[in-house]
Amino acid sequence: EYVGQTQGSKDVEVRARVTGIIEKRLFEEGAAVKAGQTLFIIDARQYQAQVAAANADVSRAKAQKAQADREAARLKPLAERKAIGQKEADDAASAADLAAAAVQASQAKVAELSVNLGYTKVLAPISGLTSRSQKSEGSLVTANETLLTTISQTHPIWVVFNISENEQLRLNRAVAANQLMLP
């Protein structure tokens, strides 16, 4: 018989991925949780406002692109008939290309901010047992720094124990003398 200590086969630190105030803790400390279960909810209002503002930027960029496309389409036949200078037509085409790029950039910003909005719900990355909650409701958490809790996967579970040198020598001799067979 040996004294041992059990530990999960996998331990995961659950951290906030966005900065904000914890509104709710949705698990019992020490309880089992499933992968994907919501553990904490961080105040999402500022992230919702950022997504709304970014969506407005997308609309504005699309309107500017439509205006630049109309201008380029209007000037192209005039440039072909030499009614205007080629530089003016080229500038209109470049403005249309820049407006298209601005639409893509604003759409990428919406995607980024939507991801951050999703991070206001802190999910369990694995199934297992939770540790003590490091932060409670009303606490400020900082993105990627604040440890919220730890989850230990207990299936399978490891048992760590130490064997003294004398005991190890005794076991090795018993195996060598065929008095003991190890699994």
Protein backbone atom coordinates (compact mmCIF):
# COMPACT_ATOMS: atom_id res chain seq x y z
CA GLU A 1 0.00 0.00 0.00
CA TYR A 2 1.18 3.49 -0.86
CA VAL A 3 -0.09 6.96 -0.15
CA GLY A 4 -1.02 8.68 -3.38
CA GLN A 5 -2.65 11.79 -4.69
CA THR A 6 -5.20 11.86 -7.48
CA GLN A 7 -5.09 14.38 -10.28
CA GLY A 8 -6.99 14.92 -13.47
CA SER A 9 -5.48 13.62 -16.67
CA LYS A 10 -5.86 17.11 -18.12
CA ASP A 11 -6.03 20.45 -16.26
CA VAL A 12 -7.24 23.54 -18.12
CA GLU A 13 -7.08 27.12 -16.89
CA VAL A 14 -10.25 29.01 -17.78
CA ARG A 15 -9.42 32.65 -18.49
CA ALA A 16 -11.39 35.65 -19.65
CA ARG A 17 -10.71 36.43 -23.32
CA VAL A 18 -12.23 39.92 -23.12
CA THR A 19 -12.08 42.66 -20.51
CA GLY A 20 -15.24 43.44 -18.56
CA ILE A 21 -17.30 42.94 -15.44
CA ILE A 22 -18.54 39.46 -14.53
CA GLU A 23 -22.34 39.52 -14.48
CA LYS A 24 -23.02 35.87 -13.58
CA ARG A 25 -21.28 32.69 -12.53
CA LEU A 26 -23.29 29.75 -13.83
CA PHE A 27 -21.67 26.73 -12.14
CA GLU A 28 -21.15 25.34 -8.66
CA GLU A 29 -17.57 25.29 -7.46
CA GLY A 30 -16.26 21.73 -7.44
CA ALA A 31 -19.12 20.49 -9.63
CA ALA A 32 -18.83 18.58 -12.86
CA VAL A 33 -19.24 20.61 -16.06
CA LYS A 34 -19.54 19.54 -19.68
CA ALA A 35 -17.44 20.87 -22.57
CA GLY A 36 -19.16 23.90 -24.07
CA GLN A 37 -21.16 24.70 -20.92
CA THR A 38 -21.35 28.42 -20.09
CA LEU A 39 -19.42 29.11 -16.89
CA PHE A 40 -19.39 32.92 -16.68
CA ILE A 41 -21.15 35.79 -18.41
CA ILE A 42 -19.21 39.03 -18.84
CA ASP A 43 -21.09 42.30 -19.43
CA ALA A 44 -21.61 42.37 -23.20
CA ARG A 45 -23.11 45.84 -23.68
CA GLN A 46 -19.91 47.57 -24.81
CA TYR A 47 -19.18 44.74 -27.27
CA GLN A 48 -22.75 44.87 -28.62
CA ALA A 49 -22.34 48.63 -29.16
CA GLN A 50 -19.01 48.07 -30.94
CA VAL A 51 -20.59 45.49 -33.26
CA ALA A 52 -23.49 47.88 -34.01
CA ALA A 53 -21.04 50.70 -34.80
CA ALA A 54 -18.99 48.39 -37.03
CA ASN A 55 -22.16 47.31 -38.87
CA ALA A 56 -22.93 50.99 -39.45
CA ASP A 57 -19.41 51.41 -40.86
CA VAL A 58 -20.09 48.51 -43.24
CA SER A 59 -23.26 50.24 -44.45
CA ARG A 60 -21.39 53.52 -44.92
CA ALA A 61 -18.56 51.77 -46.79
CA LYS A 62 -21.05 50.00 -49.05
CA ALA A 63 -22.77 53.32 -49.83
CA GLN A 64 -19.40 54.92 -50.65
CA LYS A 65 -18.53 51.93 -52.85
CA ALA A 66 -21.83 52.25 -54.72
CA GLN A 67 -21.19 55.96 -55.24
CA ALA A 68 -17.63 55.30 -56.46
CA ASP A 69 -18.87 52.54 -58.81
CA ARG A 70 -21.49 54.87 -60.28
CA GLU A 71 -18.90 57.60 -60.78
CA ALA A 72 -16.48 55.20 -62.46
CA ALA A 73 -19.24 53.82 -64.70
CA ARG A 74 -20.31 57.36 -65.66
CA LEU A 75 -16.77 58.50 -66.50
CA LYS A 76 -15.60 55.39 -68.39
CA PRO A 77 -17.56 56.08 -71.64
CA LEU A 78 -16.55 59.74 -71.50
CA ALA A 79 -12.88 58.75 -71.24
CA GLU A 80 -13.27 56.36 -74.20
CA ARG A 81 -14.62 59.24 -76.31
CA LYS A 82 -11.85 61.52 -74.99
CA ALA A 83 -14.47 63.87 -73.52
CA ILE A 84 -12.50 63.88 -70.24
CA GLY A 85 -8.90 63.29 -69.34
CA GLN A 86 -7.67 59.73 -68.72
CA LYS A 87 -6.44 60.75 -65.25
CA GLU A 88 -9.96 61.62 -64.15
CA ALA A 89 -11.26 58.23 -65.32
CA ASP A 90 -8.33 56.44 -63.66
CA ASP A 91 -8.95 58.32 -60.39
CA ALA A 92 -12.61 57.25 -60.46
CA ALA A 93 -11.63 53.60 -61.04
CA SER A 94 -9.08 53.79 -58.21
CA ALA A 95 -11.69 55.33 -55.90
CA ALA A 96 -14.02 52.41 -56.69
CA ASP A 97 -11.25 49.90 -55.86
CA LEU A 98 -10.45 51.74 -52.60
CA ALA A 99 -14.13 51.75 -51.68
CA ALA A 100 -14.33 47.98 -52.28
CA ALA A 101 -11.32 47.49 -50.01
CA ALA A 102 -12.94 49.68 -47.36
CA VAL A 103 -16.03 47.44 -47.44
CA GLN A 104 -13.87 44.34 -46.92
CA ALA A 105 -11.96 46.00 -44.07
CA SER A 106 -15.15 47.06 -42.30
CA GLN A 107 -16.63 43.57 -42.72
CA ALA A 108 -13.48 42.08 -41.20
CA LYS A 109 -13.82 44.48 -38.26
CA VAL A 110 -17.42 43.30 -37.72
CA ALA A 111 -16.20 39.69 -37.71
CA GLU A 112 -13.47 40.49 -35.17
CA LEU A 113 -15.85 42.37 -32.88
CA SER A 114 -18.45 39.60 -33.18
CA VAL A 115 -15.84 37.11 -31.98
CA ASN A 116 -15.13 39.36 -28.98
CA LEU A 117 -18.87 39.60 -28.30
CA GLY A 118 -19.00 35.79 -28.29
CA TYR A 119 -16.18 35.72 -25.74
CA THR A 120 -18.43 37.46 -23.21
CA LYS A 121 -19.80 33.97 -22.57
CA VAL A 122 -16.95 32.00 -21.00
CA LEU A 123 -17.36 28.33 -21.97
CA ALA A 124 -15.85 25.19 -20.49
CA PRO A 125 -13.22 23.94 -22.97
CA ILE A 126 -13.35 20.37 -21.60
CA SER A 127 -15.59 18.25 -19.40
CA GLY A 128 -14.43 17.73 -15.84
CA LEU A 129 -14.52 19.06 -12.30
CA THR A 130 -14.22 22.76 -11.62
CA SER A 131 -12.03 24.26 -8.97
CA ARG A 132 -12.79 27.23 -6.78
CA SER A 133 -13.95 30.32 -8.68
CA GLN A 134 -11.17 32.92 -8.57
CA LYS A 135 -13.53 35.83 -9.35
CA SER A 136 -17.11 36.54 -8.36
CA GLU A 137 -19.95 38.59 -9.82
CA GLY A 138 -19.06 42.26 -10.07
CA SER A 139 -15.33 41.62 -10.45
CA LEU A 140 -13.38 43.22 -13.28
CA VAL A 141 -11.59 40.69 -15.47
CA THR A 142 -8.82 41.48 -17.94
CA ALA A 143 -8.55 39.80 -21.32
CA ASN A 144 -6.16 36.81 -21.40
CA GLU A 145 -4.83 37.55 -17.91
CA THR A 146 -7.53 36.89 -15.33
CA LEU A 147 -7.79 33.26 -14.20
CA LEU A 148 -11.44 32.45 -13.54
CA THR A 149 -11.27 28.77 -12.57
CA THR A 150 -9.53 25.51 -13.45
CA ILE A 151 -11.17 22.40 -14.86
CA SER A 152 -9.67 18.95 -14.25
CA GLN A 153 -10.60 16.12 -16.56
CA THR A 154 -11.22 13.08 -14.33
CA HIS A 155 -11.80 10.42 -16.96
CA PRO A 156 -9.20 9.01 -16.95
CA ILE A 157 -7.75 10.02 -13.61
CA TRP A 158 -4.11 9.68 -12.58
CA VAL A 159 -2.83 8.57 -9.17
CA VAL A 160 0.62 9.91 -8.29
CA PHE A 161 2.58 8.16 -5.53
CA ASN A 162 6.18 7.78 -4.46
CA ILE A 163 8.04 4.58 -3.64
CA SER A 164 11.07 4.73 -1.37
CA GLU A 165 14.40 3.49 -2.75
CA ASN A 166 14.46 0.57 -0.32
CA GLU A 167 10.99 -0.50 -1.41
CA GLN A 168 11.94 -0.17 -5.09
CA LEU A 169 15.03 -2.36 -4.52
CA ARG A 170 12.91 -4.95 -2.68
CA LEU A 171 10.41 -5.01 -5.60
CA ASN A 172 13.19 -5.32 -8.20
CA ARG A 173 14.74 -8.27 -6.29
CA ALA A 174 11.35 -10.00 -5.98
CA VAL A 175 10.78 -9.61 -9.74
CA ALA A 176 14.31 -10.90 -10.49
CA ALA A 177 13.73 -13.97 -8.25
CA ASN A 178 10.36 -14.61 -9.96
CA GLN A 179 8.60 -14.09 -6.63
CA LEU A 180 6.58 -11.18 -8.07
CA MET A 181 5.18 -10.57 -11.53
CA LEU A 182 4.51 -6.97 -12.55
CA PRO A 183 1.55 -6.22 -14.83
